[in-house]
Amino acid sequence: MDADELLVHECDVLIPCALGGVLNRENAGDVKAKFIIEAANHPTDPEADEILSKKGVCQCWRKHASVYVERGEGERRVEEIHDKAFHSIKNMCRTHESNLQMGSFTLGVSRVARSIVLRGWEA
């Protein structure tokens, strides 16, 4: 199976992680995965983002897909933080009618902008 076939092969989760732009307008319509976890180098271009979002494919970045921690109290606390972060992203998605990827990006940018204002660094 060649790389192009692999990207559109029947699967539940697709994790492209080596090259940027491998999911694009030419192949996004043929993707059969229900979930795409972008592991590195922004493998999905903006046109593909839109196509996949309209298809109902759930896209997220690697850091939002998993949390690695030690067992015990630390794990419970990280799960709480992760859950809170996920709900914040979902609320941003609802507010801006966007997918998880754009919701997390928008949330991050808004937090940076807010911190700049709070520090008095306005331009």
PDB file of N, CA and C in Angstrom:
ATOM      1  N   MET A   1       0.855  -1.169   0.000  1.00  0.00           N
ATOM      2  CA  MET A   1       0.000   0.000   0.000  1.00  0.00           C
ATOM      3  C   MET A   1       0.907   1.240   0.000  1.00  0.00           C
ATOM      4  N   ASP A   2       0.650   2.173  -0.897  1.00  0.00           N
ATOM      5  CA  ASP A   2       1.474   3.385  -0.916  1.00  0.00           C
ATOM      6  C   ASP A   2       0.915   4.426   0.061  1.00  0.00           C
ATOM      7  N   ALA A   3       1.661   5.485   0.274  1.00  0.00           N
ATOM      8  CA  ALA A   3       1.307   6.503   1.272  1.00  0.00           C
ATOM      9  C   ALA A   3      -0.035   7.157   0.969  1.00  0.00           C
ATOM     10  N   ASP A   4      -0.332   7.412  -0.298  1.00  0.00           N
ATOM     11  CA  ASP A   4      -1.610   8.044  -0.651  1.00  0.00           C
ATOM     12  C   ASP A   4      -2.791   7.147  -0.305  1.00  0.00           C
ATOM     13  N   GLU A   5      -2.644   5.851  -0.525  1.00  0.00           N
ATOM     14  CA  GLU A   5      -3.702   4.901  -0.181  1.00  0.00           C
ATOM     15  C   GLU A   5      -3.874   4.793   1.333  1.00  0.00           C
ATOM     16  N   LEU A   6      -2.780   4.855   2.029  1.00  0.00           N
ATOM     17  CA  LEU A   6      -2.818   4.753   3.486  1.00  0.00           C
ATOM     18  C   LEU A   6      -3.654   5.869   4.113  1.00  0.00           C
ATOM     19  N   LEU A   7      -3.534   7.072   3.596  1.00  0.00           N
ATOM     20  CA  LEU A   7      -4.260   8.218   4.154  1.00  0.00           C
ATOM     21  C   LEU A   7      -5.770   8.113   3.989  1.00  0.00           C
ATOM     22  N   VAL A   8      -6.226   7.378   2.987  1.00  0.00           N
ATOM     23  CA  VAL A   8      -7.667   7.272   2.744  1.00  0.00           C
ATOM     24  C   VAL A   8      -8.189   5.859   3.014  1.00  0.00           C
ATOM     25  N   HIS A   9      -7.365   5.041   3.652  1.00  0.00           N
ATOM     26  CA  HIS A   9      -7.755   3.668   3.991  1.00  0.00           C
ATOM     27  C   HIS A   9      -8.816   3.691   5.099  1.00  0.00           C
ATOM     28  N   GLU A  10      -9.687   2.701   5.098  1.00  0.00           N
ATOM     29  CA  GLU A  10     -10.725   2.579   6.122  1.00  0.00           C
ATOM     30  C   GLU A  10     -10.085   2.417   7.500  1.00  0.00           C
ATOM     31  N   CYS A  11     -10.385   3.349   8.431  1.00  0.00           N
ATOM     32  CA  CYS A  11      -9.867   3.262   9.796  1.00  0.00           C
ATOM     33  C   CYS A  11     -10.683   4.176  10.703  1.00  0.00           C
ATOM     34  N   ASP A  12     -10.557   3.974  11.995  1.00  0.00           N
ATOM     35  CA  ASP A  12     -11.237   4.836  12.958  1.00  0.00           C
ATOM     36  C   ASP A  12     -10.423   6.082  13.261  1.00  0.00           C
ATOM     37  N   VAL A  13      -9.103   5.902  13.446  1.00  0.00           N
ATOM     38  CA  VAL A  13      -8.222   7.003  13.833  1.00  0.00           C
ATOM     39  C   VAL A  13      -7.047   7.064  12.866  1.00  0.00           C
ATOM     40  N   LEU A  14      -6.788   8.257  12.348  1.00  0.00           N
ATOM     41  CA  LEU A  14      -5.646   8.490  11.470  1.00  0.00           C
ATOM     42  C   LEU A  14      -4.711   9.457  12.185  1.00  0.00           C
ATOM     43  N   ILE A  15      -3.420   9.100  12.244  1.00  0.00           N
ATOM     44  CA  ILE A  15      -2.445   9.944  12.942  1.00  0.00           C
ATOM     45  C   ILE A  15      -1.306  10.282  11.980  1.00  0.00           C
ATOM     46  N   PRO A  16      -1.522  11.287  11.113  1.00  0.00           N
ATOM     47  CA  PRO A  16      -0.433  11.706  10.238  1.00  0.00           C
ATOM     48  C   PRO A  16       0.596  12.483  11.053  1.00  0.00           C
ATOM     49  N   CYS A  17       1.879  12.144  10.895  1.00  0.00           N
ATOM     50  CA  CYS A  17       2.854  12.732  11.817  1.00  0.00           C
ATOM     51  C   CYS A  17       4.229  13.014  11.248  1.00  0.00           C
ATOM     52  N   ALA A  18       4.390  13.040   9.944  1.00  0.00           N
ATOM     53  CA  ALA A  18       5.738  13.262   9.434  1.00  0.00           C
ATOM     54  C   ALA A  18       5.838  14.473   8.512  1.00  0.00           C
ATOM     55  N   LEU A  19       4.919  14.618   7.598  1.00  0.00           N
ATOM     56  CA  LEU A  19       5.015  15.664   6.590  1.00  0.00           C
ATOM     57  C   LEU A  19       3.855  16.649   6.686  1.00  0.00           C
ATOM     58  N   GLY A  20       4.131  17.905   6.429  1.00  0.00           N
ATOM     59  CA  GLY A  20       3.084  18.910   6.390  1.00  0.00           C
ATOM     60  C   GLY A  20       2.283  18.815   5.102  1.00  0.00           C
ATOM     61  N   GLY A  21       1.000  19.093   5.189  1.00  0.00           N
ATOM     62  CA  GLY A  21       0.143  19.173   4.017  1.00  0.00           C
ATOM     63  C   GLY A  21      -0.198  17.866   3.339  1.00  0.00           C
ATOM     64  N   VAL A  22      -0.030  16.732   4.025  1.00  0.00           N
ATOM     65  CA  VAL A  22      -0.352  15.453   3.376  1.00  0.00           C
ATOM     66  C   VAL A  22      -1.855  15.269   3.206  1.00  0.00           C
ATOM     67  N   LEU A  23      -2.639  15.889   4.073  1.00  0.00           N
ATOM     68  CA  LEU A  23      -4.087  15.904   3.880  1.00  0.00           C
ATOM     69  C   LEU A  23      -4.424  17.265   3.279  1.00  0.00           C
ATOM     70  N   ASN A  24      -4.988  17.243   2.076  1.00  0.00           N
ATOM     71  CA  ASN A  24      -5.230  18.469   1.329  1.00  0.00           C
ATOM     72  C   ASN A  24      -6.545  18.361   0.572  1.00  0.00           C
ATOM     73  N   ARG A  25      -6.857  19.374  -0.234  1.00  0.00           N
ATOM     74  CA  ARG A  25      -8.148  19.375  -0.928  1.00  0.00           C
ATOM     75  C   ARG A  25      -8.295  18.206  -1.898  1.00  0.00           C
ATOM     76  N   GLU A  26      -7.186  17.679  -2.396  1.00  0.00           N
ATOM     77  CA  GLU A  26      -7.262  16.562  -3.344  1.00  0.00           C
ATOM     78  C   GLU A  26      -7.678  15.247  -2.678  1.00  0.00           C
ATOM     79  N   ASN A  27      -7.298  15.053  -1.412  1.00  0.00           N
ATOM     80  CA  ASN A  27      -7.593  13.755  -0.798  1.00  0.00           C
ATOM     81  C   ASN A  27      -8.517  13.833   0.428  1.00  0.00           C
ATOM     82  N   ALA A  28      -8.769  15.003   0.950  1.00  0.00           N
ATOM     83  CA  ALA A  28      -9.573  15.118   2.182  1.00  0.00           C
ATOM     84  C   ALA A  28     -10.974  14.534   2.027  1.00  0.00           C
ATOM     85  N   GLY A  29     -11.557  14.684   0.859  1.00  0.00           N
ATOM     86  CA  GLY A  29     -12.889  14.135   0.635  1.00  0.00           C
ATOM     87  C   GLY A  29     -12.935  12.614   0.675  1.00  0.00           C
ATOM     88  N   ASP A  30     -11.790  11.980   0.478  1.00  0.00           N
ATOM     89  CA  ASP A  30     -11.718  10.516   0.462  1.00  0.00           C
ATOM     90  C   ASP A  30     -11.306   9.907   1.801  1.00  0.00           C
ATOM     91  N   VAL A  31     -10.969  10.741   2.777  1.00  0.00           N
ATOM     92  CA  VAL A  31     -10.555  10.237   4.088  1.00  0.00           C
ATOM     93  C   VAL A  31     -11.732   9.533   4.747  1.00  0.00           C
ATOM     94  N   LYS A  32     -11.485   8.339   5.265  1.00  0.00           N
ATOM     95  CA  LYS A  32     -12.546   7.549   5.893  1.00  0.00           C
ATOM     96  C   LYS A  32     -12.451   7.518   7.421  1.00  0.00           C
ATOM     97  N   ALA A  33     -11.372   8.061   7.968  1.00  0.00           N
ATOM     98  CA  ALA A  33     -11.189   8.063   9.425  1.00  0.00           C
ATOM     99  C   ALA A  33     -12.238   8.946  10.088  1.00  0.00           C
ATOM    100  N   LYS A  34     -12.646   8.553  11.293  1.00  0.00           N
ATOM    101  CA  LYS A  34     -13.590   9.345  12.081  1.00  0.00           C
ATOM    102  C   LYS A  34     -12.868  10.382  12.927  1.00  0.00           C
ATOM    103  N   PHE A  35     -11.608  10.094  13.259  1.00  0.00           N
ATOM    104  CA  PHE A  35     -10.792  10.974  14.091  1.00  0.00           C
ATOM    105  C   PHE A  35      -9.426  11.146  13.437  1.00  0.00           C
ATOM    106  N   ILE A  36      -8.925  12.376  13.467  1.00  0.00           N
ATOM    107  CA  ILE A  36      -7.565  12.647  12.993  1.00  0.00           C
ATOM    108  C   ILE A  36      -6.823  13.351  14.119  1.00  0.00           C
ATOM    109  N   ILE A  37      -5.722  12.750  14.522  1.00  0.00           N
ATOM    110  CA  ILE A  37      -4.864  13.343  15.546  1.00  0.00           C
ATOM    111  C   ILE A  37      -3.598  13.814  14.842  1.00  0.00           C
ATOM    112  N   GLU A  38      -3.434  15.132  14.763  1.00  0.00           N
ATOM    113  CA  GLU A  38      -2.282  15.702  14.074  1.00  0.00           C
ATOM    114  C   GLU A  38      -1.076  15.657  14.996  1.00  0.00           C
ATOM    115  N   ALA A  39      -0.145  14.764  14.684  1.00  0.00           N
ATOM    116  CA  ALA A  39       0.981  14.524  15.578  1.00  0.00           C
ATOM    117  C   ALA A  39       2.180  15.426  15.326  1.00  0.00           C
ATOM    118  N   ALA A  40       2.342  15.969  14.129  1.00  0.00           N
ATOM    119  CA  ALA A  40       3.500  16.835  13.874  1.00  0.00           C
ATOM    120  C   ALA A  40       3.375  17.544  12.536  1.00  0.00           C
ATOM    121  N   ASN A  41       3.999  18.708  12.449  1.00  0.00           N
ATOM    122  CA  ASN A  41       4.213  19.422  11.187  1.00  0.00           C
ATOM    123  C   ASN A  41       2.947  19.815  10.427  1.00  0.00           C
ATOM    124  N   HIS A  42       1.880  20.043  11.119  1.00  0.00           N
ATOM    125  CA  HIS A  42       0.605  20.463  10.513  1.00  0.00           C
ATOM    126  C   HIS A  42       0.297  19.701   9.221  1.00  0.00           C
ATOM    127  N   PRO A  43      -0.032  18.414   9.351  1.00  0.00           N
ATOM    128  CA  PRO A  43      -0.257  17.584   8.174  1.00  0.00           C
ATOM    129  C   PRO A  43      -1.531  17.921   7.388  1.00  0.00           C
ATOM    130  N   THR A  44      -2.432  18.700   7.991  1.00  0.00           N
ATOM    131  CA  THR A  44      -3.686  19.036   7.324  1.00  0.00           C
ATOM    132  C   THR A  44      -3.666  20.495   6.916  1.00  0.00           C
ATOM    133  N   ASP A  45      -3.832  20.761   5.618  1.00  0.00           N
ATOM    134  CA  ASP A  45      -3.830  22.155   5.184  1.00  0.00           C
ATOM    135  C   ASP A  45      -5.215  22.780   5.411  1.00  0.00           C
ATOM    136  N   PRO A  46      -5.339  24.113   5.347  1.00  0.00           N
ATOM    137  CA  PRO A  46      -6.608  24.780   5.657  1.00  0.00           C
ATOM    138  C   PRO A  46      -7.791  24.322   4.809  1.00  0.00           C
ATOM    139  N   GLU A  47      -7.577  24.043   3.538  1.00  0.00           N
ATOM    140  CA  GLU A  47      -8.680  23.567   2.693  1.00  0.00           C
ATOM    141  C   GLU A  47      -9.158  22.196   3.153  1.00  0.00           C
ATOM    142  N   ALA A  48      -8.224  21.333   3.513  1.00  0.00           N
ATOM    143  CA  ALA A  48      -8.592  20.007   4.019  1.00  0.00           C
ATOM    144  C   ALA A  48      -9.310  20.132   5.358  1.00  0.00           C
ATOM    145  N   ASP A  49      -8.867  21.067   6.227  1.00  0.00           N
ATOM    146  CA  ASP A  49      -9.553  21.300   7.506  1.00  0.00           C
ATOM    147  C   ASP A  49     -11.034  21.540   7.278  1.00  0.00           C
ATOM    148  N   GLU A  50     -11.332  22.398   6.321  1.00  0.00           N
ATOM    149  CA  GLU A  50     -12.730  22.740   6.037  1.00  0.00           C
ATOM    150  C   GLU A  50     -13.508  21.542   5.506  1.00  0.00           C
ATOM    151  N   ILE A  51     -12.921  20.811   4.586  1.00  0.00           N
ATOM    152  CA  ILE A  51     -13.578  19.631   4.014  1.00  0.00           C
ATOM    153  C   ILE A  51     -13.839  18.590   5.100  1.00  0.00           C
ATOM    154  N   LEU A  52     -12.830  18.305   5.925  1.00  0.00           N
ATOM    155  CA  LEU A  52     -12.970  17.298   6.978  1.00  0.00           C
ATOM    156  C   LEU A  52     -13.990  17.727   8.018  1.00  0.00           C
ATOM    157  N   SER A  53     -14.005  19.005   8.357  1.00  0.00           N
ATOM    158  CA  SER A  53     -14.970  19.511   9.321  1.00  0.00           C
ATOM    159  C   SER A  53     -16.400  19.329   8.805  1.00  0.00           C
ATOM    160  N   LYS A  54     -16.620  19.636   7.529  1.00  0.00           N
ATOM    161  CA  LYS A  54     -17.954  19.464   6.932  1.00  0.00           C
ATOM    162  C   LYS A  54     -18.361  17.994   6.897  1.00  0.00           C
ATOM    163  N   LYS A  55     -17.379  17.086   6.797  1.00  0.00           N
ATOM    164  CA  LYS A  55     -17.660  15.644   6.812  1.00  0.00           C
ATOM    165  C   LYS A  55     -17.927  15.124   8.221  1.00  0.00           C
ATOM    166  N   GLY A  56     -17.649  15.970   9.232  1.00  0.00           N
ATOM    167  CA  GLY A  56     -17.859  15.549  10.610  1.00  0.00           C
ATOM    168  C   GLY A  56     -16.686  14.798  11.208  1.00  0.00           C
ATOM    169  N   VAL A  57     -15.522  14.900  10.588  1.00  0.00           N
ATOM    170  CA  VAL A  57     -14.324  14.247  11.119  1.00  0.00           C
ATOM    171  C   VAL A  57     -13.816  15.069  12.304  1.00  0.00           C
ATOM    172  N   CYS A  58     -13.555  14.413  13.399  1.00  0.00           N
ATOM    173  CA  CYS A  58     -13.045  15.084  14.597  1.00  0.00           C
ATOM    174  C   CYS A  58     -11.534  15.203  14.478  1.00  0.00           C
ATOM    175  N   GLN A  59     -11.030  16.443  14.465  1.00  0.00           N
ATOM    176  CA  GLN A  59      -9.594  16.685  14.359  1.00  0.00           C
ATOM    177  C   GLN A  59      -9.090  17.322  15.638  1.00  0.00           C
ATOM    178  N   CYS A  60      -7.933  16.898  16.075  1.00  0.00           N
ATOM    179  CA  CYS A  60      -7.306  17.558  17.212  1.00  0.00           C
ATOM    180  C   CYS A  60      -5.803  17.403  17.132  1.00  0.00           C
ATOM    181  N   TRP A  61      -5.111  18.240  17.874  1.00  0.00           N
ATOM    182  CA  TRP A  61      -3.663  18.163  17.930  1.00  0.00           C
ATOM    183  C   TRP A  61      -3.251  17.126  18.947  1.00  0.00           C
ATOM    184  N   ARG A  62      -2.067  16.622  18.792  1.00  0.00           N
ATOM    185  CA  ARG A  62      -1.530  15.569  19.653  1.00  0.00           C
ATOM    186  C   ARG A  62      -1.654  15.912  21.124  1.00  0.00           C
ATOM    187  N   LYS A  63      -1.308  17.133  21.502  1.00  0.00           N
ATOM    188  CA  LYS A  63      -1.300  17.471  22.927  1.00  0.00           C
ATOM    189  C   LYS A  63      -2.685  17.424  23.547  1.00  0.00           C
ATOM    190  N   HIS A  64      -3.741  17.521  22.745  1.00  0.00           N
ATOM    191  CA  HIS A  64      -5.088  17.425  23.292  1.00  0.00           C
ATOM    192  C   HIS A  64      -5.631  16.005  23.240  1.00  0.00           C
ATOM    193  N   ALA A  65      -4.908  15.129  22.575  1.00  0.00           N
ATOM    194  CA  ALA A  65      -5.382  13.762  22.404  1.00  0.00           C
ATOM    195  C   ALA A  65      -4.998  12.838  23.544  1.00  0.00           C
ATOM    196  N   SER A  66      -3.921  13.149  24.255  1.00  0.00           N
ATOM    197  CA  SER A  66      -3.495  12.249  25.323  1.00  0.00           C
ATOM    198  C   SER A  66      -2.762  13.001  26.416  1.00  0.00           C
ATOM    199  N   VAL A  67      -2.782  12.406  27.590  1.00  0.00           N
ATOM    200  CA  VAL A  67      -2.063  12.961  28.734  1.00  0.00           C
ATOM    201  C   VAL A  67      -1.314  11.807  29.379  1.00  0.00           C
ATOM    202  N   TYR A  68       0.012  11.974  29.585  1.00  0.00           N
ATOM    203  CA  TYR A  68       0.819  10.937  30.198  1.00  0.00           C
ATOM    204  C   TYR A  68       1.251  11.399  31.585  1.00  0.00           C
ATOM    205  N   VAL A  69       0.834  10.666  32.602  1.00  0.00           N
ATOM    206  CA  VAL A  69       1.178  11.024  33.975  1.00  0.00           C
ATOM    207  C   VAL A  69       1.393   9.773  34.804  1.00  0.00           C
ATOM    208  N   GLU A  70       1.979   9.948  35.973  1.00  0.00           N
ATOM    209  CA  GLU A  70       2.133   8.838  36.910  1.00  0.00           C
ATOM    210  C   GLU A  70       0.784   8.533  37.544  1.00  0.00           C
ATOM    211  N   ARG A  71       0.646   7.328  38.033  1.00  0.00           N
ATOM    212  CA  ARG A  71      -0.592   6.919  38.699  1.00  0.00           C
ATOM    213  C   ARG A  71      -0.753   7.629  40.036  1.00  0.00           C
ATOM    214  N   GLY A  72      -1.985   7.761  40.506  1.00  0.00           N
ATOM    215  CA  GLY A  72      -2.235   8.311  41.827  1.00  0.00           C
ATOM    216  C   GLY A  72      -2.853   9.695  41.781  1.00  0.00           C
ATOM    217  N   GLU A  73      -2.599  10.467  42.824  1.00  0.00           N
ATOM    218  CA  GLU A  73      -3.182  11.800  42.973  1.00  0.00           C
ATOM    219  C   GLU A  73      -2.845  12.703  41.795  1.00  0.00           C
ATOM    220  N   GLY A  74      -1.616  12.631  41.328  1.00  0.00           N
ATOM    221  CA  GLY A  74      -1.210  13.449  40.187  1.00  0.00           C
ATOM    222  C   GLY A  74      -2.053  13.164  38.965  1.00  0.00           C
ATOM    223  N   GLU A  75      -2.356  11.884  38.751  1.00  0.00           N
ATOM    224  CA  GLU A  75      -3.171  11.506  37.601  1.00  0.00           C
ATOM    225  C   GLU A  75      -4.570  12.100  37.697  1.00  0.00           C
ATOM    226  N   ARG A  76      -5.167  12.027  38.885  1.00  0.00           N
ATOM    227  CA  ARG A  76      -6.513  12.574  39.076  1.00  0.00           C
ATOM    228  C   ARG A  76      -6.520  14.082  38.816  1.00  0.00           C
ATOM    229  N   ARG A  77      -5.514  14.783  39.322  1.00  0.00           N
ATOM    230  CA  ARG A  77      -5.433  16.232  39.136  1.00  0.00           C
ATOM    231  C   ARG A  77      -5.234  16.587  37.663  1.00  0.00           C
ATOM    232  N   VAL A  78      -4.382  15.851  36.965  1.00  0.00           N
ATOM    233  CA  VAL A  78      -4.165  16.115  35.542  1.00  0.00           C
ATOM    234  C   VAL A  78      -5.438  15.853  34.755  1.00  0.00           C
ATOM    235  N   GLU A  79      -6.170  14.807  35.116  1.00  0.00           N
ATOM    236  CA  GLU A  79      -7.442  14.528  34.445  1.00  0.00           C
ATOM    237  C   GLU A  79      -8.412  15.684  34.643  1.00  0.00           C
ATOM    238  N   GLU A  80      -8.452  16.257  35.850  1.00  0.00           N
ATOM    239  CA  GLU A  80      -9.323  17.409  36.105  1.00  0.00           C
ATOM    240  C   GLU A  80      -8.926  18.591  35.231  1.00  0.00           C
ATOM    241  N   ILE A  81      -7.628  18.860  35.161  1.00  0.00           N
ATOM    242  CA  ILE A  81      -7.132  19.968  34.339  1.00  0.00           C
ATOM    243  C   ILE A  81      -7.442  19.706  32.864  1.00  0.00           C
ATOM    244  N   HIS A  82      -7.209  18.478  32.427  1.00  0.00           N
ATOM    245  CA  HIS A  82      -7.462  18.111  31.039  1.00  0.00           C
ATOM    246  C   HIS A  82      -8.949  18.257  30.711  1.00  0.00           C
ATOM    247  N   ASP A  83      -9.824  17.785  31.608  1.00  0.00           N
ATOM    248  CA  ASP A  83     -11.266  17.919  31.398  1.00  0.00           C
ATOM    249  C   ASP A  83     -11.684  19.382  31.307  1.00  0.00           C
ATOM    250  N   LYS A  84     -11.147  20.204  32.208  1.00  0.00           N
ATOM    251  CA  LYS A  84     -11.468  21.632  32.194  1.00  0.00           C
ATOM    252  C   LYS A  84     -11.006  22.266  30.877  1.00  0.00           C
ATOM    253  N   ALA A  85      -9.810  21.917  30.440  1.00  0.00           N
ATOM    254  CA  ALA A  85      -9.285  22.452  29.174  1.00  0.00           C
ATOM    255  C   ALA A  85     -10.149  22.005  28.004  1.00  0.00           C
ATOM    256  N   PHE A  86     -10.547  20.740  28.007  1.00  0.00           N
ATOM    257  CA  PHE A  86     -11.385  20.232  26.917  1.00  0.00           C
ATOM    258  C   PHE A  86     -12.707  20.976  26.866  1.00  0.00           C
ATOM    259  N   HIS A  87     -13.340  21.206  28.029  1.00  0.00           N
ATOM    260  CA  HIS A  87     -14.613  21.925  28.061  1.00  0.00           C
ATOM    261  C   HIS A  87     -14.445  23.372  27.613  1.00  0.00           C
ATOM    262  N   SER A  88     -13.325  23.989  27.951  1.00  0.00           N
ATOM    263  CA  SER A  88     -13.052  25.354  27.485  1.00  0.00           C
ATOM    264  C   SER A  88     -12.936  25.382  25.960  1.00  0.00           C
ATOM    265  N   ILE A  89     -12.263  24.394  25.413  1.00  0.00           N
ATOM    266  CA  ILE A  89     -12.123  24.314  23.955  1.00  0.00           C
ATOM    267  C   ILE A  89     -13.484  24.080  23.311  1.00  0.00           C
ATOM    268  N   LYS A  90     -14.264  23.157  23.862  1.00  0.00           N
ATOM    269  CA  LYS A  90     -15.601  22.873  23.304  1.00  0.00           C
ATOM    270  C   LYS A  90     -16.482  24.120  23.344  1.00  0.00           C
ATOM    271  N   ASN A  91     -16.411  24.897  24.439  1.00  0.00           N
ATOM    272  CA  ASN A  91     -17.193  26.130  24.510  1.00  0.00           C
ATOM    273  C   ASN A  91     -16.754  27.117  23.438  1.00  0.00           C
ATOM    274  N   MET A  92     -15.452  27.223  23.198  1.00  0.00           N
ATOM    275  CA  MET A  92     -14.935  28.096  22.148  1.00  0.00           C
ATOM    276  C   MET A  92     -15.429  27.617  20.789  1.00  0.00           C
ATOM    277  N   CYS A  93     -15.470  26.295  20.590  1.00  0.00           N
ATOM    278  CA  CYS A  93     -15.973  25.731  19.334  1.00  0.00           C
ATOM    279  C   CYS A  93     -17.438  26.108  19.113  1.00  0.00           C
ATOM    280  N   ARG A  94     -18.226  26.011  20.166  1.00  0.00           N
ATOM    281  CA  ARG A  94     -19.645  26.375  20.054  1.00  0.00           C
ATOM    282  C   ARG A  94     -19.804  27.860  19.754  1.00  0.00           C
ATOM    283  N   THR A  95     -19.054  28.678  20.459  1.00  0.00           N
ATOM    284  CA  THR A  95     -19.144  30.126  20.285  1.00  0.00           C
ATOM    285  C   THR A  95     -18.808  30.540  18.859  1.00  0.00           C
ATOM    286  N   HIS A  96     -17.764  29.937  18.299  1.00  0.00           N
ATOM    287  CA  HIS A  96     -17.295  30.326  16.970  1.00  0.00           C
ATOM    288  C   HIS A  96     -17.663  29.332  15.874  1.00  0.00           C
ATOM    289  N   GLU A  97     -18.507  28.364  16.217  1.00  0.00           N
ATOM    290  CA  GLU A  97     -18.938  27.331  15.266  1.00  0.00           C
ATOM    291  C   GLU A  97     -17.744  26.763  14.500  1.00  0.00           C
ATOM    292  N   SER A  98     -16.790  26.232  15.265  1.00  0.00           N
ATOM    293  CA  SER A  98     -15.559  25.709  14.669  1.00  0.00           C
ATOM    294  C   SER A  98     -15.293  24.284  15.136  1.00  0.00           C
ATOM    295  N   ASN A  99     -14.274  23.659  14.534  1.00  0.00           N
ATOM    296  CA  ASN A  99     -13.881  22.322  14.959  1.00  0.00           C
ATOM    297  C   ASN A  99     -12.927  22.420  16.151  1.00  0.00           C
ATOM    298  N   LEU A 100     -12.551  21.273  16.710  1.00  0.00           N
ATOM    299  CA  LEU A 100     -11.683  21.262  17.893  1.00  0.00           C
ATOM    300  C   LEU A 100     -10.348  21.944  17.640  1.00  0.00           C
ATOM    301  N   GLN A 101      -9.797  21.720  16.492  1.00  0.00           N
ATOM    302  CA  GLN A 101      -8.496  22.289  16.176  1.00  0.00           C
ATOM    303  C   GLN A 101      -8.557  23.815  16.180  1.00  0.00           C
ATOM    304  N   MET A 102      -9.515  24.390  15.478  1.00  0.00           N
ATOM    305  CA  MET A 102      -9.626  25.844  15.427  1.00  0.00           C
ATOM    306  C   MET A 102     -10.080  26.391  16.779  1.00  0.00           C
ATOM    307  N   GLY A 103     -10.917  25.650  17.496  1.00  0.00           N
ATOM    308  CA  GLY A 103     -11.335  26.079  18.828  1.00  0.00           C
ATOM    309  C   GLY A 103     -10.174  26.178  19.793  1.00  0.00           C
ATOM    310  N   SER A 104      -9.268  25.194  19.749  1.00  0.00           N
ATOM    311  CA  SER A 104      -8.119  25.229  20.658  1.00  0.00           C
ATOM    312  C   SER A 104      -7.150  26.339  20.258  1.00  0.00           C
ATOM    313  N   PHE A 105      -6.980  26.560  18.972  1.00  0.00           N
ATOM    314  CA  PHE A 105      -6.118  27.641  18.498  1.00  0.00           C
ATOM    315  C   PHE A 105      -6.692  28.999  18.924  1.00  0.00           C
ATOM    316  N   THR A 106      -7.991  29.188  18.730  1.00  0.00           N
ATOM    317  CA  THR A 106      -8.648  30.442  19.095  1.00  0.00           C
ATOM    318  C   THR A 106      -8.567  30.688  20.594  1.00  0.00           C
ATOM    319  N   LEU A 107      -8.779  29.654  21.373  1.00  0.00           N
ATOM    320  CA  LEU A 107      -8.679  29.790  22.827  1.00  0.00           C
ATOM    321  C   LEU A 107      -7.266  30.202  23.235  1.00  0.00           C
ATOM    322  N   GLY A 108      -6.269  29.567  22.654  1.00  0.00           N
ATOM    323  CA  GLY A 108      -4.884  29.902  22.968  1.00  0.00           C
ATOM    324  C   GLY A 108      -4.542  31.339  22.623  1.00  0.00           C
ATOM    325  N   VAL A 109      -4.945  31.776  21.440  1.00  0.00           N
ATOM    326  CA  VAL A 109      -4.667  33.152  21.017  1.00  0.00           C
ATOM    327  C   VAL A 109      -5.399  34.147  21.926  1.00  0.00           C
ATOM    328  N   SER A 110      -6.635  33.838  22.286  1.00  0.00           N
ATOM    329  CA  SER A 110      -7.382  34.759  23.156  1.00  0.00           C
ATOM    330  C   SER A 110      -6.745  34.853  24.540  1.00  0.00           C
ATOM    331  N   ARG A 111      -6.190  33.750  25.028  1.00  0.00           N
ATOM    332  CA  ARG A 111      -5.521  33.791  26.337  1.00  0.00           C
ATOM    333  C   ARG A 111      -4.231  34.602  26.284  1.00  0.00           C
ATOM    334  N   VAL A 112      -3.496  34.471  25.206  1.00  0.00           N
ATOM    335  CA  VAL A 112      -2.278  35.269  25.057  1.00  0.00           C
ATOM    336  C   VAL A 112      -2.645  36.750  24.955  1.00  0.00           C
ATOM    337  N   ALA A 113      -3.651  37.068  24.156  1.00  0.00           N
ATOM    338  CA  ALA A 113      -4.076  38.464  24.012  1.00  0.00           C
ATOM    339  C   ALA A 113      -4.529  39.038  25.348  1.00  0.00           C
ATOM    340  N   ARG A 114      -5.270  38.262  26.107  1.00  0.00           N
ATOM    341  CA  ARG A 114      -5.736  38.728  27.422  1.00  0.00           C
ATOM    342  C   ARG A 114      -4.560  38.979  28.362  1.00  0.00           C
ATOM    343  N   SER A 115      -3.577  38.089  28.353  1.00  0.00           N
ATOM    344  CA  SER A 115      -2.427  38.274  29.244  1.00  0.00           C
ATOM    345  C   SER A 115      -1.624  39.514  28.851  1.00  0.00           C
ATOM    346  N   ILE A 116      -1.551  39.805  27.566  1.00  0.00           N
ATOM    347  CA  ILE A 116      -0.853  41.012  27.105  1.00  0.00           C
ATOM    348  C   ILE A 116      -1.564  42.259  27.635  1.00  0.00           C
ATOM    349  N   VAL A 117      -2.881  42.272  27.555  1.00  0.00           N
ATOM    350  CA  VAL A 117      -3.660  43.408  28.056  1.00  0.00           C
ATOM    351  C   VAL A 117      -3.502  43.535  29.561  1.00  0.00           C
ATOM    352  N   LEU A 118      -3.572  42.419  30.290  1.00  0.00           N
ATOM    353  CA  LEU A 118      -3.448  42.467  31.745  1.00  0.00           C
ATOM    354  C   LEU A 118      -2.078  42.964  32.199  1.00  0.00           C
ATOM    355  N   ARG A 119      -1.059  42.707  31.412  1.00  0.00           N
ATOM    356  CA  ARG A 119       0.293  43.170  31.750  1.00  0.00           C
ATOM    357  C   ARG A 119       0.533  44.612  31.308  1.00  0.00           C
ATOM    358  N   GLY A 120      -0.441  45.183  30.618  1.00  0.00           N
ATOM    359  CA  GLY A 120      -0.295  46.563  30.170  1.00  0.00           C
ATOM    360  C   GLY A 120       0.590  46.718  28.956  1.00  0.00           C
ATOM    361  N   TRP A 121       0.706  45.647  28.174  1.00  0.00           N
ATOM    362  CA  TRP A 121       1.572  45.686  26.996  1.00  0.00           C
ATOM    363  C   TRP A 121       0.814  46.037  25.728  1.00  0.00           C
ATOM    364  N   GLU A 122      -0.347  46.665  25.853  1.00  0.00           N
ATOM    365  CA  GLU A 122      -1.143  46.999  24.666  1.00  0.00           C
ATOM    366  C   GLU A 122      -0.370  47.882  23.720  1.00  0.00           C
ATOM    367  N   ALA A 123      -0.594  47.663  22.449  1.00  0.00           N
ATOM    368  CA  ALA A 123       0.075  48.493  21.430  1.00  0.00           C
ATOM    369  C   ALA A 123      -0.728  49.760  21.190  1.00  0.00           C
TER     370      ALA A 123
END
